[in-house]
Amino acid sequence: VQLQASGGGLVQAGGSLSISCAASGRTPSNYVMGWFRQAPGKEREFVAAIRWMNIRTNYADYADSVKGRFTISRDNAKNTVYLQMNSLKPEDTAVYYCALRAIREYRTTYSKESDFGFWGQGTQVTVSS
């Protein structure tokens, strides 16, 4: 599985930005794709994840720090996950990484780095004050 993240950039505080991650290769039928971020001098942290089971069912999880501001969504046909980021703050500045793992059921949430086996390259998001 290959993951290609794109869409980062520079935005002013209060603004919006959308980043995406496309999965290719031998993508599992059911999987969870997550976003993590790493700011300079800090550890990588969970941002959001979306679990995919069956054609019409998606389950989303968010870190408390982004709830109500970020929305994760998915285009099933394109195997692409989007992260819409609104009301951005300078503390959202980080390199954002997407990650993927196969799942067998939808009830379990995944928010640790060790939960994911496939990682994309990062995309820089910078929020100026």
C-alpha atoms as a PDB file:
ATOM      1  CA  VAL A   1       0.000   0.000   0.000  1.00  0.00           C
ATOM      2  CA  GLN A   2       1.254   3.466  -0.900  1.00  0.00           C
ATOM      3  CA  LEU A   3      -0.097   6.658   0.620  1.00  0.00           C
ATOM      4  CA  GLN A   4       0.315  10.040  -1.038  1.00  0.00           C
ATOM      5  CA  ALA A   5      -0.510  13.105   1.014  1.00  0.00           C
ATOM      6  CA  SER A   6      -1.002  16.506  -0.557  1.00  0.00           C
ATOM      7  CA  GLY A   7      -2.545  19.923  -0.030  1.00  0.00           C
ATOM      8  CA  GLY A   8      -0.531  21.492   2.750  1.00  0.00           C
ATOM      9  CA  GLY A   9       0.457  25.125   2.746  1.00  0.00           C
ATOM     10  CA  LEU A  10       0.491  28.434   4.547  1.00  0.00           C
ATOM     11  CA  VAL A  11      -2.675  29.972   5.936  1.00  0.00           C
ATOM     12  CA  GLN A  12      -3.501  32.736   8.369  1.00  0.00           C
ATOM     13  CA  ALA A  13      -5.005  32.011  11.754  1.00  0.00           C
ATOM     14  CA  GLY A  14      -8.742  31.577  11.483  1.00  0.00           C
ATOM     15  CA  GLY A  15      -8.460  30.344   7.932  1.00  0.00           C
ATOM     16  CA  SER A  16      -9.147  26.980   6.364  1.00  0.00           C
ATOM     17  CA  LEU A  17      -7.139  24.386   4.545  1.00  0.00           C
ATOM     18  CA  SER A  18      -7.851  20.937   3.176  1.00  0.00           C
ATOM     19  CA  ILE A  19      -5.336  18.148   2.853  1.00  0.00           C
ATOM     20  CA  SER A  20      -5.828  14.773   1.255  1.00  0.00           C
ATOM     21  CA  CYS A  21      -4.295  11.328   1.243  1.00  0.00           C
ATOM     22  CA  ALA A  22      -4.710   8.874  -1.613  1.00  0.00           C
ATOM     23  CA  ALA A  23      -4.156   5.173  -1.085  1.00  0.00           C
ATOM     24  CA  SER A  24      -2.957   2.987  -3.934  1.00  0.00           C
ATOM     25  CA  GLY A  25      -1.614  -0.484  -4.439  1.00  0.00           C
ATOM     26  CA  ARG A  26      -3.094  -3.467  -2.580  1.00  0.00           C
ATOM     27  CA  THR A  27      -5.519  -1.471  -0.479  1.00  0.00           C
ATOM     28  CA  PRO A  28      -7.523  -3.580   1.985  1.00  0.00           C
ATOM     29  CA  SER A  29     -11.276  -3.874   1.510  1.00  0.00           C
ATOM     30  CA  ASN A  30     -11.922  -2.496   5.004  1.00  0.00           C
ATOM     31  CA  TYR A  31      -9.485  -0.131   6.629  1.00  0.00           C
ATOM     32  CA  VAL A  32      -8.976   2.845   8.856  1.00  0.00           C
ATOM     33  CA  MET A  33      -7.046   5.864   7.628  1.00  0.00           C
ATOM     34  CA  GLY A  34      -5.747   8.337  10.108  1.00  0.00           C
ATOM     35  CA  TRP A  35      -4.033  11.678  10.263  1.00  0.00           C
ATOM     36  CA  PHE A  36      -1.243  12.423  12.697  1.00  0.00           C
ATOM     37  CA  ARG A  37       0.824  15.559  13.048  1.00  0.00           C
ATOM     38  CA  GLN A  38       4.211  16.460  14.401  1.00  0.00           C
ATOM     39  CA  ALA A  39       5.211  19.964  15.364  1.00  0.00           C
ATOM     40  CA  PRO A  40       8.886  20.946  15.743  1.00  0.00           C
ATOM     41  CA  GLY A  41      10.300  19.596  18.974  1.00  0.00           C
ATOM     42  CA  LYS A  42       7.156  17.629  19.784  1.00  0.00           C
ATOM     43  CA  GLU A  43       6.068  14.048  19.446  1.00  0.00           C
ATOM     44  CA  ARG A  44       3.747  12.901  16.725  1.00  0.00           C
ATOM     45  CA  GLU A  45       0.131  13.091  17.827  1.00  0.00           C
ATOM     46  CA  PHE A  46      -3.173  11.751  16.643  1.00  0.00           C
ATOM     47  CA  VAL A  47      -5.492  14.140  14.808  1.00  0.00           C
ATOM     48  CA  ALA A  48      -8.355  12.173  13.269  1.00  0.00           C
ATOM     49  CA  ALA A  49      -9.217   8.819  11.750  1.00  0.00           C
ATOM     50  CA  ILE A  50     -11.989   7.371   9.659  1.00  0.00           C
ATOM     51  CA  ARG A  51     -12.944   3.705   9.650  1.00  0.00           C
ATOM     52  CA  TRP A  52     -14.401   2.086   6.601  1.00  0.00           C
ATOM     53  CA  MET A  53     -16.684  -0.908   6.775  1.00  0.00           C
ATOM     54  CA  ASN A  54     -18.989  -1.772   3.918  1.00  0.00           C
ATOM     55  CA  ILE A  55     -19.806   0.607   1.140  1.00  0.00           C
ATOM     56  CA  ARG A  56     -21.827   3.233   3.005  1.00  0.00           C
ATOM     57  CA  THR A  57     -20.473   3.103   6.519  1.00  0.00           C
ATOM     58  CA  ASN A  58     -17.773   5.420   7.810  1.00  0.00           C
ATOM     59  CA  TYR A  59     -16.914   6.086  11.456  1.00  0.00           C
ATOM     60  CA  ALA A  60     -14.821   9.091  12.408  1.00  0.00           C
ATOM     61  CA  ASP A  61     -12.734   9.833  15.498  1.00  0.00           C
ATOM     62  CA  TYR A  62     -11.067  13.106  16.456  1.00  0.00           C
ATOM     63  CA  ALA A  63      -8.543  14.373  18.944  1.00  0.00           C
ATOM     64  CA  ASP A  64     -10.113  16.752  21.438  1.00  0.00           C
ATOM     65  CA  SER A  65      -7.883  19.571  20.214  1.00  0.00           C
ATOM     66  CA  VAL A  66      -9.461  19.527  16.742  1.00  0.00           C
ATOM     67  CA  LYS A  67     -13.044  18.467  17.459  1.00  0.00           C
ATOM     68  CA  GLY A  68     -15.508  20.904  15.970  1.00  0.00           C
ATOM     69  CA  ARG A  69     -12.844  22.467  13.726  1.00  0.00           C
ATOM     70  CA  PHE A  70     -11.573  19.582  11.612  1.00  0.00           C
ATOM     71  CA  THR A  71     -13.623  17.167   9.534  1.00  0.00           C
ATOM     72  CA  ILE A  72     -12.328  13.930   8.105  1.00  0.00           C
ATOM     73  CA  SER A  73     -14.109  12.464   5.122  1.00  0.00           C
ATOM     74  CA  ARG A  74     -13.567   9.928   2.477  1.00  0.00           C
ATOM     75  CA  ASP A  75     -14.113   9.323  -1.218  1.00  0.00           C
ATOM     76  CA  ASN A  76     -14.541   5.591  -1.425  1.00  0.00           C
ATOM     77  CA  ALA A  77     -14.244   5.389  -5.187  1.00  0.00           C
ATOM     78  CA  LYS A  78     -10.900   7.180  -5.133  1.00  0.00           C
ATOM     79  CA  ASN A  79      -9.547   5.572  -1.930  1.00  0.00           C
ATOM     80  CA  THR A  80      -8.845   9.102  -0.785  1.00  0.00           C
ATOM     81  CA  VAL A  81      -9.322  10.646   2.628  1.00  0.00           C
ATOM     82  CA  TYR A  82      -9.635  14.377   3.185  1.00  0.00           C
ATOM     83  CA  LEU A  83      -9.034  16.479   6.252  1.00  0.00           C
ATOM     84  CA  GLN A  84     -10.879  19.781   6.157  1.00  0.00           C
ATOM     85  CA  MET A  85      -9.339  22.111   8.690  1.00  0.00           C
ATOM     86  CA  ASN A  86     -11.282  25.216   9.710  1.00  0.00           C
ATOM     87  CA  SER A  87     -10.624  27.899  12.298  1.00  0.00           C
ATOM     88  CA  LEU A  88      -6.949  27.095  12.151  1.00  0.00           C
ATOM     89  CA  LYS A  89      -4.684  28.180  14.979  1.00  0.00           C
ATOM     90  CA  PRO A  90      -0.917  28.704  15.053  1.00  0.00           C
ATOM     91  CA  GLU A  91      -0.671  25.627  17.275  1.00  0.00           C
ATOM     92  CA  ASP A  92      -2.017  23.545  14.387  1.00  0.00           C
ATOM     93  CA  THR A  93       1.274  24.165  12.585  1.00  0.00           C
ATOM     94  CA  ALA A  94       2.917  20.808  11.973  1.00  0.00           C
ATOM     95  CA  VAL A  95       3.817  18.217   9.413  1.00  0.00           C
ATOM     96  CA  TYR A  96       0.703  16.144   8.845  1.00  0.00           C
ATOM     97  CA  TYR A  97       1.055  12.439   8.099  1.00  0.00           C
ATOM     98  CA  CYS A  98      -1.553   9.989   6.878  1.00  0.00           C
ATOM     99  CA  ALA A  99      -1.537   6.359   7.904  1.00  0.00           C
ATOM    100  CA  LEU A 100      -3.555   3.229   7.146  1.00  0.00           C
ATOM    101  CA  ARG A 101      -4.263  -0.189   8.580  1.00  0.00           C
ATOM    102  CA  ALA A 102      -6.659  -2.976   7.671  1.00  0.00           C
ATOM    103  CA  ILE A 103      -9.546  -3.676  10.041  1.00  0.00           C
ATOM    104  CA  ARG A 104     -11.911  -6.613  10.531  1.00  0.00           C
ATOM    105  CA  GLU A 105     -14.641  -4.855  12.489  1.00  0.00           C
ATOM    106  CA  TYR A 106     -15.697  -1.236  12.951  1.00  0.00           C
ATOM    107  CA  ARG A 107     -16.112  -0.857  16.724  1.00  0.00           C
ATOM    108  CA  THR A 108     -12.434  -0.484  17.640  1.00  0.00           C
ATOM    109  CA  THR A 109     -10.924   2.983  17.489  1.00  0.00           C
ATOM    110  CA  TYR A 110      -7.342   3.484  16.426  1.00  0.00           C
ATOM    111  CA  SER A 111      -5.372   6.517  17.557  1.00  0.00           C
ATOM    112  CA  LYS A 112      -1.854   5.343  18.313  1.00  0.00           C
ATOM    113  CA  GLU A 113       1.063   5.407  15.925  1.00  0.00           C
ATOM    114  CA  SER A 114       1.652   1.731  16.595  1.00  0.00           C
ATOM    115  CA  ASP A 115      -1.867   0.923  15.379  1.00  0.00           C
ATOM    116  CA  PHE A 116      -0.913   1.807  11.812  1.00  0.00           C
ATOM    117  CA  GLY A 117       1.366  -0.116   9.496  1.00  0.00           C
ATOM    118  CA  PHE A 118       1.390   2.055   6.400  1.00  0.00           C
ATOM    119  CA  TRP A 119       2.470   5.682   6.372  1.00  0.00           C
ATOM    120  CA  GLY A 120       2.593   8.410   3.786  1.00  0.00           C
ATOM    121  CA  GLN A 121       5.080  11.212   3.505  1.00  0.00           C
ATOM    122  CA  GLY A 122       4.191  14.315   5.446  1.00  0.00           C
ATOM    123  CA  THR A 123       2.670  17.517   4.203  1.00  0.00           C
ATOM    124  CA  GLN A 124       3.509  20.802   5.903  1.00  0.00           C
ATOM    125  CA  VAL A 125       0.726  22.940   7.321  1.00  0.00           C
ATOM    126  CA  THR A 126       1.760  26.341   8.611  1.00  0.00           C
ATOM    127  CA  VAL A 127      -0.657  28.683  10.346  1.00  0.00           C
ATOM    128  CA  SER A 128       0.561  32.245  10.804  1.00  0.00           C
ATOM    129  CA  SER A 129      -0.689  34.443  13.606  1.00  0.00           C
END
